[in-house]
């Protein structure tokens, strides 16, 4: 092998390692234990990097699943629950979620946004099949005091057997309470 081929191969390997160790949408995870039962969400956390995400001219509106958003980047956002859940949307809308594995999507072209719990799992984030929806529930929407640069999903306990799922990014904070059964 010539010296220039060896150098090129080394540079390519270094570039691949650098990209793998510093992804544009790093892996993130949130979890909470309520009543001895664990609930976990695994997602990729993209950043704005000067781009508009939501709205008709936003980056997400160009995804093939629009108006459904993968609620993250790269692989689909995964939800695992060791407990049966009841997600309590505003206006008395409820969604029963049996313990197990799911994918989270969000319908973002309606007011308020709708959280989608989908039964298909382990797919790339731009693979969405509506017929696999377990259900949808409206979310409470708020506006942050300043734009949120990096997507953040949080699960938190809210007393007794209650919790909250919150999605924060750009100019939106979307949340929904849930009950562990």
C-alpha atoms as a PDB file:
ATOM      1  CA  UNK A   1       0.000   0.000   0.000  1.00  0.00           C
ATOM      2  CA  UNK A   2       1.359   3.373  -0.912  1.00  0.00           C
ATOM      3  CA  UNK A   3       2.052   5.987   1.735  1.00  0.00           C
ATOM      4  CA  UNK A   4      -0.683   8.332   0.392  1.00  0.00           C
ATOM      5  CA  UNK A   5      -3.316   5.576   0.606  1.00  0.00           C
ATOM      6  CA  UNK A   6      -2.253   4.813   4.193  1.00  0.00           C
ATOM      7  CA  UNK A   7      -2.505   8.495   5.131  1.00  0.00           C
ATOM      8  CA  UNK A   8      -5.926   8.801   3.449  1.00  0.00           C
ATOM      9  CA  UNK A   9      -7.200   5.707   5.255  1.00  0.00           C
ATOM     10  CA  UNK A  10      -5.933   7.052   8.592  1.00  0.00           C
ATOM     11  CA  UNK A  11      -7.582  10.442   8.020  1.00  0.00           C
ATOM     12  CA  UNK A  12     -10.903   8.793   7.101  1.00  0.00           C
ATOM     13  CA  UNK A  13     -10.764   6.623  10.221  1.00  0.00           C
ATOM     14  CA  UNK A  14     -10.035   9.681  12.396  1.00  0.00           C
ATOM     15  CA  UNK A  15     -12.899  11.626  10.809  1.00  0.00           C
ATOM     16  CA  UNK A  16     -15.301   8.729  11.435  1.00  0.00           C
ATOM     17  CA  UNK A  17     -14.213   8.474  15.083  1.00  0.00           C
ATOM     18  CA  UNK A  18     -14.603  12.225  15.608  1.00  0.00           C
ATOM     19  CA  UNK A  19     -18.092  12.175  14.079  1.00  0.00           C
ATOM     20  CA  UNK A  20     -19.119   9.195  16.207  1.00  0.00           C
ATOM     21  CA  UNK A  21     -17.858  10.801  19.419  1.00  0.00           C
ATOM     22  CA  UNK A  22     -19.510  14.171  18.722  1.00  0.00           C
ATOM     23  CA  UNK A  23     -22.835  13.530  16.960  1.00  0.00           C
ATOM     24  CA  UNK A  24     -25.016  16.483  15.987  1.00  0.00           C
ATOM     25  CA  UNK A  25     -27.926  14.851  17.842  1.00  0.00           C
ATOM     26  CA  UNK A  26     -26.413  12.996  20.806  1.00  0.00           C
ATOM     27  CA  UNK A  27     -28.236  10.173  22.562  1.00  0.00           C
ATOM     28  CA  UNK A  28     -30.229  11.249  25.613  1.00  0.00           C
ATOM     29  CA  UNK A  29     -32.378   9.521  28.184  1.00  0.00           C
ATOM     30  CA  UNK A  30     -34.861  10.435  30.882  1.00  0.00           C
ATOM     31  CA  UNK A  31     -36.399   8.134  33.446  1.00  0.00           C
ATOM     32  CA  UNK A  32     -38.487   8.216  36.585  1.00  0.00           C
ATOM     33  CA  UNK A  33     -39.549   5.628  39.134  1.00  0.00           C
ATOM     34  CA  UNK A  34     -43.069   6.010  40.495  1.00  0.00           C
ATOM     35  CA  UNK A  35     -44.626   3.460  42.807  1.00  0.00           C
ATOM     36  CA  UNK A  36     -41.614   1.189  42.309  1.00  0.00           C
ATOM     37  CA  UNK A  37     -42.178   1.106  38.528  1.00  0.00           C
ATOM     38  CA  UNK A  38     -39.688   2.532  36.034  1.00  0.00           C
ATOM     39  CA  UNK A  39     -40.605   4.629  32.982  1.00  0.00           C
ATOM     40  CA  UNK A  40     -37.828   5.509  30.502  1.00  0.00           C
ATOM     41  CA  UNK A  41     -37.598   7.516  27.283  1.00  0.00           C
ATOM     42  CA  UNK A  42     -34.543   7.238  25.006  1.00  0.00           C
ATOM     43  CA  UNK A  43     -34.116   9.810  22.243  1.00  0.00           C
ATOM     44  CA  UNK A  44     -31.613  11.753  20.156  1.00  0.00           C
ATOM     45  CA  UNK A  45     -31.362  15.428  21.153  1.00  0.00           C
ATOM     46  CA  UNK A  46     -30.901  17.760  18.162  1.00  0.00           C
ATOM     47  CA  UNK A  47     -29.976  21.437  18.520  1.00  0.00           C
ATOM     48  CA  UNK A  48     -31.344  24.437  16.639  1.00  0.00           C
ATOM     49  CA  UNK A  49     -27.950  25.634  15.331  1.00  0.00           C
ATOM     50  CA  UNK A  50     -29.631  28.754  13.909  1.00  0.00           C
ATOM     51  CA  UNK A  51     -32.476  26.858  12.227  1.00  0.00           C
ATOM     52  CA  UNK A  52     -36.234  27.282  12.606  1.00  0.00           C
ATOM     53  CA  UNK A  53     -37.828  23.941  13.550  1.00  0.00           C
ATOM     54  CA  UNK A  54     -41.569  24.436  13.922  1.00  0.00           C
ATOM     55  CA  UNK A  55     -44.128  26.136  11.711  1.00  0.00           C
ATOM     56  CA  UNK A  56     -44.816  25.939   7.964  1.00  0.00           C
ATOM     57  CA  UNK A  57     -41.257  26.948   7.005  1.00  0.00           C
ATOM     58  CA  UNK A  58     -39.550  25.016   9.792  1.00  0.00           C
ATOM     59  CA  UNK A  59     -37.125  22.167   9.267  1.00  0.00           C
ATOM     60  CA  UNK A  60     -39.582  19.583  10.638  1.00  0.00           C
ATOM     61  CA  UNK A  61     -42.186  20.546   7.998  1.00  0.00           C
ATOM     62  CA  UNK A  62     -39.819  19.070   5.400  1.00  0.00           C
ATOM     63  CA  UNK A  63     -39.751  15.585   6.995  1.00  0.00           C
ATOM     64  CA  UNK A  64     -41.704  12.920   5.055  1.00  0.00           C
ATOM     65  CA  UNK A  65     -43.840  12.192   8.153  1.00  0.00           C
ATOM     66  CA  UNK A  66     -44.998  15.842   8.484  1.00  0.00           C
ATOM     67  CA  UNK A  67     -47.188  16.882  10.317  1.00  0.00           C
ATOM     68  CA  UNK A  68     -46.109  14.042  12.607  1.00  0.00           C
ATOM     69  CA  UNK A  69     -42.720  14.723  14.214  1.00  0.00           C
ATOM     70  CA  UNK A  70     -40.458  11.939  15.446  1.00  0.00           C
ATOM     71  CA  UNK A  71     -39.963  13.887  18.717  1.00  0.00           C
ATOM     72  CA  UNK A  72     -36.209  13.847  18.400  1.00  0.00           C
ATOM     73  CA  UNK A  73     -33.731  12.934  15.683  1.00  0.00           C
ATOM     74  CA  UNK A  74     -32.242   9.799  14.157  1.00  0.00           C
ATOM     75  CA  UNK A  75     -33.849   6.634  15.615  1.00  0.00           C
ATOM     76  CA  UNK A  76     -37.447   6.915  16.751  1.00  0.00           C
ATOM     77  CA  UNK A  77     -37.946   8.058  20.337  1.00  0.00           C
ATOM     78  CA  UNK A  78     -38.469   4.977  22.520  1.00  0.00           C
ATOM     79  CA  UNK A  79     -40.740   4.726  25.552  1.00  0.00           C
ATOM     80  CA  UNK A  80     -40.475   1.805  27.975  1.00  0.00           C
ATOM     81  CA  UNK A  81     -42.846   1.481  30.912  1.00  0.00           C
ATOM     82  CA  UNK A  82     -42.858  -1.202  33.609  1.00  0.00           C
ATOM     83  CA  UNK A  83     -46.328  -0.050  34.642  1.00  0.00           C
ATOM     84  CA  UNK A  84     -49.672   0.491  33.000  1.00  0.00           C
ATOM     85  CA  UNK A  85     -50.108   4.243  32.480  1.00  0.00           C
ATOM     86  CA  UNK A  86     -53.026   6.575  32.029  1.00  0.00           C
ATOM     87  CA  UNK A  87     -51.975   9.713  30.157  1.00  0.00           C
ATOM     88  CA  UNK A  88     -54.273  12.576  31.160  1.00  0.00           C
ATOM     89  CA  UNK A  89     -54.687  15.190  28.440  1.00  0.00           C
ATOM     90  CA  UNK A  90     -56.432  18.532  28.948  1.00  0.00           C
ATOM     91  CA  UNK A  91     -60.199  18.538  28.704  1.00  0.00           C
ATOM     92  CA  UNK A  92     -60.553  15.049  30.181  1.00  0.00           C
ATOM     93  CA  UNK A  93     -58.908  13.221  27.277  1.00  0.00           C
ATOM     94  CA  UNK A  94     -57.247  10.043  28.539  1.00  0.00           C
ATOM     95  CA  UNK A  95     -55.083   7.380  26.938  1.00  0.00           C
ATOM     96  CA  UNK A  96     -54.466   4.017  28.612  1.00  0.00           C
ATOM     97  CA  UNK A  97     -50.969   2.675  27.875  1.00  0.00           C
ATOM     98  CA  UNK A  98     -50.315  -0.951  28.940  1.00  0.00           C
ATOM     99  CA  UNK A  99     -46.829  -1.705  30.292  1.00  0.00           C
ATOM    100  CA  UNK A 100     -44.373  -2.391  27.464  1.00  0.00           C
ATOM    101  CA  UNK A 101     -42.388  -0.716  24.695  1.00  0.00           C
ATOM    102  CA  UNK A 102     -43.626   2.054  22.400  1.00  0.00           C
ATOM    103  CA  UNK A 103     -42.478   4.869  20.143  1.00  0.00           C
ATOM    104  CA  UNK A 104     -43.366   8.506  20.799  1.00  0.00           C
ATOM    105  CA  UNK A 105     -44.344  10.878  18.003  1.00  0.00           C
ATOM    106  CA  UNK A 106     -45.939  14.326  18.212  1.00  0.00           C
ATOM    107  CA  UNK A 107     -48.547  15.910  15.952  1.00  0.00           C
ATOM    108  CA  UNK A 108     -47.312  19.513  15.734  1.00  0.00           C
ATOM    109  CA  UNK A 109     -49.607  21.227  13.227  1.00  0.00           C
ATOM    110  CA  UNK A 110     -52.593  21.383  15.583  1.00  0.00           C
ATOM    111  CA  UNK A 111     -53.306  23.452  18.665  1.00  0.00           C
ATOM    112  CA  UNK A 112     -52.661  22.024  21.133  1.00  0.00           C
ATOM    113  CA  UNK A 113     -50.050  19.529  20.002  1.00  0.00           C
ATOM    114  CA  UNK A 114     -50.945  15.855  20.358  1.00  0.00           C
ATOM    115  CA  UNK A 115     -48.698  13.216  21.907  1.00  0.00           C
ATOM    116  CA  UNK A 116     -48.835  10.006  19.860  1.00  0.00           C
ATOM    117  CA  UNK A 117     -48.052   6.636  21.426  1.00  0.00           C
ATOM    118  CA  UNK A 118     -47.245   4.179  18.637  1.00  0.00           C
ATOM    119  CA  UNK A 119     -46.923   0.389  18.967  1.00  0.00           C
ATOM    120  CA  UNK A 120     -44.215   0.037  16.312  1.00  0.00           C
ATOM    121  CA  UNK A 121     -40.742  -0.021  17.910  1.00  0.00           C
ATOM    122  CA  UNK A 122     -37.052   0.010  17.011  1.00  0.00           C
ATOM    123  CA  UNK A 123     -37.526   1.820  13.696  1.00  0.00           C
ATOM    124  CA  UNK A 124     -35.762   4.795  12.165  1.00  0.00           C
ATOM    125  CA  UNK A 125     -37.474   8.011  13.238  1.00  0.00           C
ATOM    126  CA  UNK A 126     -38.867   8.837   9.814  1.00  0.00           C
ATOM    127  CA  UNK A 127     -40.782   5.549   9.664  1.00  0.00           C
ATOM    128  CA  UNK A 128     -44.284   6.249  10.931  1.00  0.00           C
ATOM    129  CA  UNK A 129     -47.349   4.051  10.500  1.00  0.00           C
ATOM    130  CA  UNK A 130     -50.575   5.676  11.704  1.00  0.00           C
ATOM    131  CA  UNK A 131     -52.314   2.296  11.849  1.00  0.00           C
ATOM    132  CA  UNK A 132     -49.859   1.335  14.628  1.00  0.00           C
ATOM    133  CA  UNK A 133     -50.981   4.210  16.881  1.00  0.00           C
ATOM    134  CA  UNK A 134     -52.136   3.091  20.310  1.00  0.00           C
ATOM    135  CA  UNK A 135     -53.650   6.550  20.634  1.00  0.00           C
ATOM    136  CA  UNK A 136     -53.228  10.307  20.804  1.00  0.00           C
ATOM    137  CA  UNK A 137     -53.721  12.776  23.605  1.00  0.00           C
ATOM    138  CA  UNK A 138     -53.616  16.612  23.587  1.00  0.00           C
ATOM    139  CA  UNK A 139     -50.738  18.288  25.421  1.00  0.00           C
ATOM    140  CA  UNK A 140     -50.582  21.512  27.427  1.00  0.00           C
ATOM    141  CA  UNK A 141     -48.507  24.092  25.534  1.00  0.00           C
ATOM    142  CA  UNK A 142     -46.459  26.957  27.014  1.00  0.00           C
ATOM    143  CA  UNK A 143     -43.906  29.366  25.603  1.00  0.00           C
ATOM    144  CA  UNK A 144     -40.453  29.535  27.204  1.00  0.00           C
ATOM    145  CA  UNK A 145     -38.973  32.915  28.161  1.00  0.00           C
ATOM    146  CA  UNK A 146     -36.128  32.332  25.672  1.00  0.00           C
ATOM    147  CA  UNK A 147     -35.603  29.860  22.803  1.00  0.00           C
ATOM    148  CA  UNK A 148     -34.468  26.399  23.902  1.00  0.00           C
ATOM    149  CA  UNK A 149     -31.390  25.417  21.864  1.00  0.00           C
ATOM    150  CA  UNK A 150     -31.308  21.655  22.453  1.00  0.00           C
ATOM    151  CA  UNK A 151     -34.309  19.318  22.615  1.00  0.00           C
ATOM    152  CA  UNK A 152     -34.981  18.147  26.156  1.00  0.00           C
ATOM    153  CA  UNK A 153     -37.495  15.506  27.180  1.00  0.00           C
ATOM    154  CA  UNK A 154     -38.150  15.091  30.890  1.00  0.00           C
ATOM    155  CA  UNK A 155     -40.063  12.569  32.971  1.00  0.00           C
ATOM    156  CA  UNK A 156     -40.741  13.696  36.547  1.00  0.00           C
ATOM    157  CA  UNK A 157     -42.686  12.524  39.572  1.00  0.00           C
ATOM    158  CA  UNK A 158     -45.611  14.695  40.645  1.00  0.00           C
ATOM    159  CA  UNK A 159     -46.633  13.081  43.932  1.00  0.00           C
ATOM    160  CA  UNK A 160     -48.177   9.721  44.860  1.00  0.00           C
ATOM    161  CA  UNK A 161     -48.675   7.745  41.644  1.00  0.00           C
ATOM    162  CA  UNK A 162     -48.525  10.758  39.311  1.00  0.00           C
ATOM    163  CA  UNK A 163     -45.911  11.981  36.863  1.00  0.00           C
ATOM    164  CA  UNK A 164     -45.339  14.399  34.012  1.00  0.00           C
ATOM    165  CA  UNK A 165     -43.832  14.055  30.527  1.00  0.00           C
ATOM    166  CA  UNK A 166     -42.415  17.335  29.185  1.00  0.00           C
ATOM    167  CA  UNK A 167     -40.914  18.155  25.762  1.00  0.00           C
ATOM    168  CA  UNK A 168     -38.977  21.433  25.415  1.00  0.00           C
ATOM    169  CA  UNK A 169     -37.464  22.832  22.236  1.00  0.00           C
ATOM    170  CA  UNK A 170     -37.215  26.062  20.268  1.00  0.00           C
ATOM    171  CA  UNK A 171     -40.248  28.141  21.303  1.00  0.00           C
ATOM    172  CA  UNK A 172     -42.424  25.386  22.806  1.00  0.00           C
ATOM    173  CA  UNK A 173     -42.832  23.572  26.109  1.00  0.00           C
ATOM    174  CA  UNK A 174     -45.359  20.756  25.706  1.00  0.00           C
ATOM    175  CA  UNK A 175     -46.395  18.617  28.654  1.00  0.00           C
ATOM    176  CA  UNK A 176     -48.870  16.016  29.725  1.00  0.00           C
ATOM    177  CA  UNK A 177     -49.511  14.451  33.142  1.00  0.00           C
ATOM    178  CA  UNK A 178     -49.828  10.707  33.619  1.00  0.00           C
ATOM    179  CA  UNK A 179     -50.895   8.282  36.311  1.00  0.00           C
ATOM    180  CA  UNK A 180     -49.152   5.005  37.127  1.00  0.00           C
ATOM    181  CA  UNK A 181     -51.796   2.310  37.679  1.00  0.00           C
END
